[in-house]
Amino acid sequence: MSKKMSRKIERLLKEIRETLRNLDRKINKLNVRSYSGVPGFVPGTLWSLPEHLRKSMEAIATLGEATAQQLSEKTGRSRAAESDYLNQLVGRGFLKKQRRGKEMIFQVFNLRTVCPMCGSSVLITAKYCNRCGATLGISHAHLPIPRGNV
């Protein structure tokens, strides 16, 4: 291979590396913005829910499953309000429900939240983050979300 061709390849590789670095920086900025703690910026997570639904979701996540009555006792809100909120969460795909005799049981289905250490999306029922190994729990939804360099 000629020196001219070799220099051209090296220049192209350098341009590709720089483009990849720029893309990586932009992706990191987007990730930081997406879990900046502002509700609605992380679809499918606790942050995406309005406060009244988030309160119900956090309560049922600690129980695993519950009836509207059981949840109302935990949250201090009326059974009718909790029933409405739980059905909204079913409609959004966060919970599933099944009838057991006369009772309707609501269960956590696929709620995700953000790992406070690395920003990965993790199931709310996970005990550890798959990416960084951080210990998780329901209470981590209230921790400040880490911010990278913007």
N, C-alpha and C. Protein backbone atom coordinates (compact mmCIF):
# COMPACT_ATOMS: atom_id res chain seq x y z
N MET A 1 0.85 -1.17 0.00
CA MET A 1 0.00 0.00 0.00
C MET A 1 0.90 1.24 0.00
N SER A 2 0.50 2.21 -0.78
CA SER A 2 1.30 3.42 -0.89
C SER A 2 1.16 4.28 0.36
N LYS A 3 2.15 5.17 0.57
CA LYS A 3 2.11 6.07 1.71
C LYS A 3 0.91 7.00 1.63
N LYS A 4 0.58 7.42 0.42
CA LYS A 4 -0.54 8.33 0.21
C LYS A 4 -1.85 7.65 0.63
N MET A 5 -2.03 6.42 0.24
CA MET A 5 -3.23 5.64 0.58
C MET A 5 -3.28 5.39 2.09
N SER A 6 -2.13 5.08 2.66
CA SER A 6 -2.04 4.83 4.09
C SER A 6 -2.43 6.08 4.89
N ARG A 7 -1.96 7.27 4.46
CA ARG A 7 -2.31 8.51 5.15
C ARG A 7 -3.80 8.82 5.01
N LYS A 8 -4.33 8.53 3.85
CA LYS A 8 -5.76 8.76 3.63
C LYS A 8 -6.60 7.87 4.55
N ILE A 9 -6.22 6.62 4.69
CA ILE A 9 -6.93 5.69 5.58
C ILE A 9 -6.81 6.15 7.03
N GLU A 10 -5.64 6.58 7.45
CA GLU A 10 -5.44 7.07 8.81
C GLU A 10 -6.30 8.30 9.07
N ARG A 11 -6.38 9.21 8.10
CA ARG A 11 -7.20 10.41 8.24
C ARG A 11 -8.67 10.04 8.37
N LEU A 12 -9.13 9.10 7.54
CA LEU A 12 -10.52 8.66 7.61
C LEU A 12 -10.83 8.00 8.96
N LEU A 13 -9.92 7.18 9.44
CA LEU A 13 -10.11 6.54 10.74
C LEU A 13 -10.17 7.58 11.86
N LYS A 14 -9.34 8.60 11.77
CA LYS A 14 -9.35 9.67 12.77
C LYS A 14 -10.69 10.40 12.74
N GLU A 15 -11.21 10.68 11.54
CA GLU A 15 -12.52 11.33 11.41
C GLU A 15 -13.63 10.45 11.99
N ILE A 16 -13.55 9.16 11.72
CA ILE A 16 -14.56 8.22 12.25
C ILE A 16 -14.52 8.21 13.77
N ARG A 17 -13.31 8.14 14.34
CA ARG A 17 -13.18 8.14 15.80
C ARG A 17 -13.77 9.40 16.41
N GLU A 18 -13.48 10.55 15.79
CA GLU A 18 -13.99 11.82 16.30
C GLU A 18 -15.51 11.88 16.20
N THR A 19 -16.05 11.38 15.11
CA THR A 19 -17.51 11.32 14.94
C THR A 19 -18.14 10.43 16.00
N LEU A 20 -17.53 9.30 16.27
CA LEU A 20 -18.04 8.40 17.31
C LEU A 20 -17.98 9.05 18.68
N ARG A 21 -16.89 9.77 18.99
CA ARG A 21 -16.79 10.48 20.26
C ARG A 21 -17.90 11.52 20.39
N ASN A 22 -18.15 12.27 19.31
CA ASN A 22 -19.21 13.28 19.33
C ASN A 22 -20.58 12.63 19.53
N LEU A 23 -20.82 11.53 18.85
CA LEU A 23 -22.09 10.81 19.03
C LEU A 23 -22.24 10.31 20.46
N ASP A 24 -21.16 9.79 21.02
CA ASP A 24 -21.20 9.30 22.39
C ASP A 24 -21.52 10.43 23.37
N ARG A 25 -20.92 11.61 23.16
CA ARG A 25 -21.21 12.76 24.01
C ARG A 25 -22.68 13.16 23.90
N LYS A 26 -23.20 13.17 22.69
CA LYS A 26 -24.60 13.54 22.49
C LYS A 26 -25.54 12.54 23.14
N ILE A 27 -25.23 11.27 23.03
CA ILE A 27 -26.06 10.24 23.67
C ILE A 27 -26.03 10.41 25.18
N ASN A 28 -24.86 10.66 25.74
CA ASN A 28 -24.76 10.88 27.18
C ASN A 28 -25.58 12.08 27.62
N LYS A 29 -25.57 13.17 26.84
CA LYS A 29 -26.37 14.34 27.17
C LYS A 29 -27.85 13.99 27.14
N LEU A 30 -28.26 13.22 26.14
CA LEU A 30 -29.67 12.81 26.06
C LEU A 30 -30.05 11.95 27.25
N ASN A 31 -29.17 11.04 27.64
CA ASN A 31 -29.45 10.17 28.79
C ASN A 31 -29.59 10.99 30.06
N VAL A 32 -28.72 11.97 30.24
CA VAL A 32 -28.79 12.81 31.43
C VAL A 32 -30.11 13.56 31.46
N ARG A 33 -30.50 14.12 30.32
CA ARG A 33 -31.76 14.85 30.26
C ARG A 33 -32.94 13.92 30.50
N SER A 34 -32.86 12.68 30.00
CA SER A 34 -34.00 11.78 30.10
C SER A 34 -34.27 11.33 31.53
N TYR A 35 -33.26 11.34 32.40
CA TYR A 35 -33.55 10.98 33.79
C TYR A 35 -33.16 12.11 34.73
N SER A 36 -33.47 13.31 34.30
CA SER A 36 -33.11 14.49 35.09
C SER A 36 -34.03 14.70 36.28
N GLY A 37 -34.99 13.80 36.53
CA GLY A 37 -35.89 13.95 37.66
C GLY A 37 -37.17 14.68 37.31
N VAL A 38 -37.33 15.10 36.09
CA VAL A 38 -38.53 15.79 35.66
C VAL A 38 -39.55 14.75 35.22
N PRO A 39 -40.73 14.71 35.86
CA PRO A 39 -41.72 13.71 35.47
C PRO A 39 -42.05 13.79 33.99
N GLY A 40 -42.21 12.61 33.38
CA GLY A 40 -42.58 12.55 31.99
C GLY A 40 -41.43 12.33 31.04
N PHE A 41 -40.19 12.43 31.50
CA PHE A 41 -39.05 12.28 30.60
C PHE A 41 -38.51 10.85 30.52
N VAL A 42 -39.00 9.97 31.34
CA VAL A 42 -38.56 8.58 31.28
C VAL A 42 -39.79 7.70 31.12
N PRO A 43 -40.25 7.51 29.89
CA PRO A 43 -41.47 6.74 29.68
C PRO A 43 -41.36 5.35 30.28
N GLY A 44 -42.45 4.88 30.86
CA GLY A 44 -42.49 3.54 31.44
C GLY A 44 -41.86 3.43 32.81
N THR A 45 -41.52 4.54 33.45
CA THR A 45 -40.92 4.50 34.78
C THR A 45 -41.79 5.27 35.75
N LEU A 46 -41.41 5.22 37.03
CA LEU A 46 -42.13 6.00 38.03
C LEU A 46 -42.15 7.48 37.68
N TRP A 47 -41.08 7.98 37.07
CA TRP A 47 -41.00 9.41 36.74
C TRP A 47 -42.04 9.81 35.72
N SER A 48 -42.53 8.85 34.94
CA SER A 48 -43.49 9.20 33.89
C SER A 48 -44.92 9.31 34.42
N LEU A 49 -45.13 8.93 35.67
CA LEU A 49 -46.48 8.93 36.23
C LEU A 49 -46.81 10.22 36.97
N PRO A 50 -48.08 10.64 36.89
CA PRO A 50 -48.50 11.77 37.74
C PRO A 50 -48.37 11.37 39.21
N GLU A 51 -48.26 12.35 40.07
CA GLU A 51 -48.01 12.10 41.50
C GLU A 51 -49.02 11.14 42.12
N HIS A 52 -50.32 11.31 41.84
CA HIS A 52 -51.33 10.45 42.47
C HIS A 52 -51.19 8.99 42.03
N LEU A 53 -50.80 8.75 40.78
CA LEU A 53 -50.58 7.38 40.32
C LEU A 53 -49.25 6.83 40.83
N ARG A 54 -48.26 7.68 40.94
CA ARG A 54 -46.96 7.26 41.47
C ARG A 54 -47.10 6.79 42.91
N LYS A 55 -47.92 7.50 43.71
CA LYS A 55 -48.13 7.11 45.11
C LYS A 55 -48.76 5.72 45.18
N SER A 56 -49.76 5.47 44.33
CA SER A 56 -50.38 4.14 44.30
C SER A 56 -49.39 3.07 43.84
N MET A 57 -48.60 3.42 42.81
CA MET A 57 -47.64 2.45 42.27
C MET A 57 -46.57 2.11 43.30
N GLU A 58 -46.08 3.10 44.00
CA GLU A 58 -45.06 2.83 45.02
C GLU A 58 -45.63 1.96 46.14
N ALA A 59 -46.88 2.24 46.51
CA ALA A 59 -47.50 1.45 47.59
C ALA A 59 -47.71 0.01 47.17
N ILE A 60 -48.22 -0.22 45.96
CA ILE A 60 -48.47 -1.60 45.54
C ILE A 60 -47.16 -2.33 45.26
N ALA A 61 -46.13 -1.60 44.84
CA ALA A 61 -44.84 -2.23 44.60
C ALA A 61 -44.25 -2.78 45.88
N THR A 62 -44.51 -2.14 47.02
CA THR A 62 -44.00 -2.65 48.29
C THR A 62 -44.78 -3.88 48.75
N LEU A 63 -46.04 -3.98 48.30
CA LEU A 63 -46.87 -5.13 48.67
C LEU A 63 -46.76 -6.27 47.67
N GLY A 64 -46.42 -5.97 46.44
CA GLY A 64 -46.37 -6.98 45.39
C GLY A 64 -47.70 -7.13 44.69
N GLU A 65 -48.75 -7.32 45.47
CA GLU A 65 -50.10 -7.38 44.95
C GLU A 65 -51.05 -6.94 46.04
N ALA A 66 -52.21 -6.40 45.62
CA ALA A 66 -53.17 -5.90 46.61
C ALA A 66 -54.51 -5.66 45.95
N THR A 67 -55.53 -5.61 46.78
CA THR A 67 -56.85 -5.17 46.33
C THR A 67 -56.90 -3.65 46.50
N ALA A 68 -57.92 -3.03 45.93
CA ALA A 68 -58.08 -1.58 46.08
C ALA A 68 -58.27 -1.24 47.56
N GLN A 69 -58.98 -2.09 48.30
CA GLN A 69 -59.20 -1.84 49.72
C GLN A 69 -57.88 -1.88 50.50
N GLN A 70 -57.06 -2.90 50.24
CA GLN A 70 -55.78 -3.02 50.93
C GLN A 70 -54.89 -1.81 50.62
N LEU A 71 -54.90 -1.39 49.37
CA LEU A 71 -54.07 -0.26 48.99
C LEU A 71 -54.58 1.04 49.60
N SER A 72 -55.91 1.19 49.69
CA SER A 72 -56.47 2.40 50.29
C SER A 72 -56.08 2.51 51.77
N GLU A 73 -55.99 1.37 52.45
CA GLU A 73 -55.55 1.38 53.85
C GLU A 73 -54.10 1.81 53.96
N LYS A 74 -53.30 1.45 52.98
CA LYS A 74 -51.87 1.82 53.00
C LYS A 74 -51.66 3.29 52.63
N THR A 75 -52.44 3.80 51.67
CA THR A 75 -52.24 5.18 51.20
C THR A 75 -53.08 6.20 51.95
N GLY A 76 -54.13 5.74 52.63
CA GLY A 76 -55.01 6.67 53.34
C GLY A 76 -56.03 7.34 52.44
N ARG A 77 -56.16 6.86 51.21
CA ARG A 77 -57.15 7.41 50.29
C ARG A 77 -58.34 6.47 50.22
N SER A 78 -59.43 6.93 49.64
CA SER A 78 -60.64 6.10 49.58
C SER A 78 -60.43 4.89 48.66
N ARG A 79 -61.20 3.83 48.92
CA ARG A 79 -61.13 2.62 48.11
C ARG A 79 -61.51 2.94 46.67
N ALA A 80 -62.55 3.78 46.48
CA ALA A 80 -62.99 4.14 45.13
C ALA A 80 -61.89 4.86 44.35
N ALA A 81 -61.20 5.77 45.02
CA ALA A 81 -60.10 6.50 44.36
C ALA A 81 -58.99 5.53 43.99
N GLU A 82 -58.61 4.66 44.92
CA GLU A 82 -57.54 3.69 44.63
C GLU A 82 -57.95 2.75 43.49
N SER A 83 -59.20 2.32 43.49
CA SER A 83 -59.69 1.45 42.42
C SER A 83 -59.53 2.15 41.07
N ASP A 84 -59.91 3.41 41.00
CA ASP A 84 -59.76 4.18 39.77
C ASP A 84 -58.29 4.29 39.37
N TYR A 85 -57.42 4.63 40.32
CA TYR A 85 -56.00 4.78 40.02
C TYR A 85 -55.38 3.45 39.57
N LEU A 86 -55.75 2.37 40.26
CA LEU A 86 -55.21 1.06 39.90
C LEU A 86 -55.64 0.67 38.48
N ASN A 87 -56.89 0.94 38.13
CA ASN A 87 -57.35 0.63 36.77
C ASN A 87 -56.64 1.50 35.73
N GLN A 88 -56.31 2.74 36.08
CA GLN A 88 -55.53 3.57 35.18
C GLN A 88 -54.13 2.97 34.96
N LEU A 89 -53.56 2.45 36.05
CA LEU A 89 -52.23 1.83 35.95
C LEU A 89 -52.28 0.55 35.12
N VAL A 90 -53.39 -0.19 35.22
CA VAL A 90 -53.58 -1.38 34.38
C VAL A 90 -53.63 -0.94 32.91
N GLY A 91 -54.40 0.11 32.64
CA GLY A 91 -54.52 0.62 31.28
C GLY A 91 -53.21 1.09 30.69
N ARG A 92 -52.31 1.58 31.53
CA ARG A 92 -51.00 2.04 31.07
C ARG A 92 -49.98 0.92 30.99
N GLY A 93 -50.36 -0.28 31.42
CA GLY A 93 -49.46 -1.43 31.31
C GLY A 93 -48.52 -1.63 32.49
N PHE A 94 -48.73 -0.91 33.59
CA PHE A 94 -47.86 -1.06 34.76
C PHE A 94 -48.30 -2.20 35.67
N LEU A 95 -49.60 -2.45 35.70
CA LEU A 95 -50.15 -3.49 36.56
C LEU A 95 -50.97 -4.46 35.73
N LYS A 96 -51.19 -5.63 36.29
CA LYS A 96 -52.18 -6.54 35.72
C LYS A 96 -53.17 -6.86 36.83
N LYS A 97 -54.35 -7.27 36.44
CA LYS A 97 -55.34 -7.59 37.45
C LYS A 97 -55.96 -8.93 37.13
N GLN A 98 -56.40 -9.60 38.21
CA GLN A 98 -57.08 -10.88 38.05
C GLN A 98 -58.10 -11.03 39.17
N ARG A 99 -59.17 -11.67 38.83
CA ARG A 99 -60.23 -11.90 39.81
C ARG A 99 -59.91 -13.16 40.61
N ARG A 100 -60.05 -13.05 41.93
CA ARG A 100 -59.93 -14.21 42.83
C ARG A 100 -61.19 -14.21 43.68
N GLY A 101 -62.12 -15.06 43.30
CA GLY A 101 -63.40 -15.06 43.99
C GLY A 101 -64.12 -13.76 43.72
N LYS A 102 -64.47 -13.06 44.78
CA LYS A 102 -65.17 -11.78 44.63
C LYS A 102 -64.20 -10.60 44.55
N GLU A 103 -62.92 -10.84 44.81
CA GLU A 103 -61.95 -9.75 44.84
C GLU A 103 -61.19 -9.60 43.53
N MET A 104 -60.84 -8.37 43.22
CA MET A 104 -59.98 -8.07 42.09
C MET A 104 -58.59 -7.77 42.65
N ILE A 105 -57.61 -8.56 42.26
CA ILE A 105 -56.24 -8.42 42.75
C ILE A 105 -55.41 -7.70 41.68
N PHE A 106 -54.69 -6.69 42.10
CA PHE A 106 -53.80 -5.95 41.20
C PHE A 106 -52.36 -6.34 41.53
N GLN A 107 -51.56 -6.57 40.47
CA GLN A 107 -50.17 -7.00 40.66
C GLN A 107 -49.24 -6.15 39.81
N VAL A 108 -48.04 -5.91 40.33
CA VAL A 108 -47.02 -5.19 39.57
C VAL A 108 -46.66 -6.03 38.36
N PHE A 109 -46.66 -5.40 37.19
CA PHE A 109 -46.42 -6.15 35.96
C PHE A 109 -45.05 -5.85 35.36
N ASN A 110 -44.84 -4.62 34.96
CA ASN A 110 -43.59 -4.32 34.25
C ASN A 110 -43.16 -2.88 34.48
N LEU A 111 -43.16 -2.44 35.71
CA LEU A 111 -42.75 -1.07 35.99
C LEU A 111 -41.24 -0.99 36.04
N ARG A 112 -40.71 0.00 35.36
CA ARG A 112 -39.28 0.22 35.35
C ARG A 112 -38.99 1.56 36.00
N THR A 113 -37.83 1.64 36.57
CA THR A 113 -37.36 2.90 37.14
C THR A 113 -35.91 3.08 36.71
N VAL A 114 -35.26 4.08 37.21
CA VAL A 114 -33.90 4.40 36.81
C VAL A 114 -32.97 4.11 37.98
N CYS A 115 -31.89 3.39 37.69
CA CYS A 115 -30.87 3.13 38.72
C CYS A 115 -30.24 4.47 39.11
N PRO A 116 -30.21 4.77 40.41
CA PRO A 116 -29.64 6.05 40.85
C PRO A 116 -28.13 6.14 40.67
N MET A 117 -27.47 5.01 40.45
CA MET A 117 -26.02 5.03 40.32
C MET A 117 -25.56 5.20 38.87
N CYS A 118 -26.20 4.44 37.93
CA CYS A 118 -25.70 4.47 36.55
C CYS A 118 -26.73 4.97 35.54
N GLY A 119 -28.00 5.11 35.96
CA GLY A 119 -29.01 5.62 35.05
C GLY A 119 -29.67 4.57 34.18
N SER A 120 -29.35 3.29 34.38
CA SER A 120 -29.98 2.24 33.59
C SER A 120 -31.44 2.08 33.95
N SER A 121 -32.21 1.64 32.99
CA SER A 121 -33.61 1.31 33.23
C SER A 121 -33.66 -0.08 33.85
N VAL A 122 -34.29 -0.20 35.03
CA VAL A 122 -34.38 -1.48 35.73
C VAL A 122 -35.80 -1.72 36.20
N LEU A 123 -36.18 -2.99 36.31
CA LEU A 123 -37.49 -3.30 36.86
C LEU A 123 -37.56 -2.82 38.29
N ILE A 124 -38.71 -2.28 38.67
CA ILE A 124 -38.85 -1.74 40.02
C ILE A 124 -38.73 -2.83 41.08
N THR A 125 -39.02 -4.06 40.71
CA THR A 125 -38.94 -5.18 41.66
C THR A 125 -37.53 -5.75 41.78
N ALA A 126 -36.57 -5.24 40.97
CA ALA A 126 -35.20 -5.74 41.01
C ALA A 126 -34.52 -5.33 42.31
N LYS A 127 -33.68 -6.21 42.83
CA LYS A 127 -32.93 -5.90 44.04
C LYS A 127 -31.58 -5.29 43.72
N TYR A 128 -31.06 -5.60 42.52
CA TYR A 128 -29.76 -5.10 42.09
C TYR A 128 -29.85 -4.63 40.64
N CYS A 129 -29.06 -3.64 40.31
CA CYS A 129 -28.98 -3.16 38.92
C CYS A 129 -28.15 -4.16 38.13
N ASN A 130 -28.65 -4.58 36.99
CA ASN A 130 -27.91 -5.53 36.14
C ASN A 130 -26.65 -4.92 35.55
N ARG A 131 -26.65 -3.61 35.39
CA ARG A 131 -25.52 -2.95 34.74
C ARG A 131 -24.38 -2.65 35.71
N CYS A 132 -24.69 -2.01 36.85
CA CYS A 132 -23.61 -1.58 37.76
C CYS A 132 -23.59 -2.36 39.08
N GLY A 133 -24.65 -3.16 39.35
CA GLY A 133 -24.67 -3.95 40.58
C GLY A 133 -25.15 -3.21 41.81
N ALA A 134 -25.60 -1.96 41.64
CA ALA A 134 -26.08 -1.17 42.79
C ALA A 134 -27.27 -1.85 43.44
N THR A 135 -27.34 -1.78 44.76
CA THR A 135 -28.47 -2.31 45.49
C THR A 135 -29.65 -1.37 45.30
N LEU A 136 -30.78 -1.93 44.94
CA LEU A 136 -31.97 -1.14 44.65
C LEU A 136 -33.06 -1.46 45.66
N GLY A 137 -34.07 -0.64 45.68
CA GLY A 137 -35.24 -0.84 46.51
C GLY A 137 -36.28 0.17 46.12
N ILE A 138 -37.48 0.04 46.60
CA ILE A 138 -38.55 0.97 46.26
C ILE A 138 -38.14 2.38 46.63
N SER A 139 -37.43 2.55 47.73
CA SER A 139 -37.08 3.89 48.16
C SER A 139 -36.13 4.60 47.21
N HIS A 140 -35.44 3.86 46.30
CA HIS A 140 -34.50 4.53 45.41
C HIS A 140 -35.20 5.43 44.42
N ALA A 141 -36.51 5.30 44.26
CA ALA A 141 -37.23 6.19 43.35
C ALA A 141 -37.23 7.63 43.85
N HIS A 142 -36.93 7.83 45.15
CA HIS A 142 -36.94 9.17 45.72
C HIS A 142 -35.54 9.78 45.78
N LEU A 143 -34.52 8.98 45.48
CA LEU A 143 -33.16 9.50 45.56
C LEU A 143 -32.89 10.45 44.40
N PRO A 144 -31.97 11.37 44.58
CA PRO A 144 -31.62 12.24 43.47
C PRO A 144 -31.04 11.41 42.35
N ILE A 145 -31.36 11.76 41.13
CA ILE A 145 -30.84 11.06 39.98
C ILE A 145 -29.48 11.66 39.64
N PRO A 146 -28.47 10.79 39.43
CA PRO A 146 -27.13 11.33 39.15
C PRO A 146 -27.11 12.06 37.82
N ARG A 147 -26.34 13.12 37.76
CA ARG A 147 -26.21 13.88 36.51
C ARG A 147 -24.78 13.78 36.03
N GLY A 148 -24.62 13.55 34.75
CA GLY A 148 -23.30 13.50 34.16
C GLY A 148 -22.86 14.88 33.74
N ASN A 149 -21.73 14.93 33.08
CA ASN A 149 -21.25 16.21 32.55
C ASN A 149 -22.05 16.55 31.32
N VAL A 150 -22.65 17.72 31.32
CA VAL A 150 -23.48 18.14 30.18
C VAL A 150 -22.72 19.14 29.36
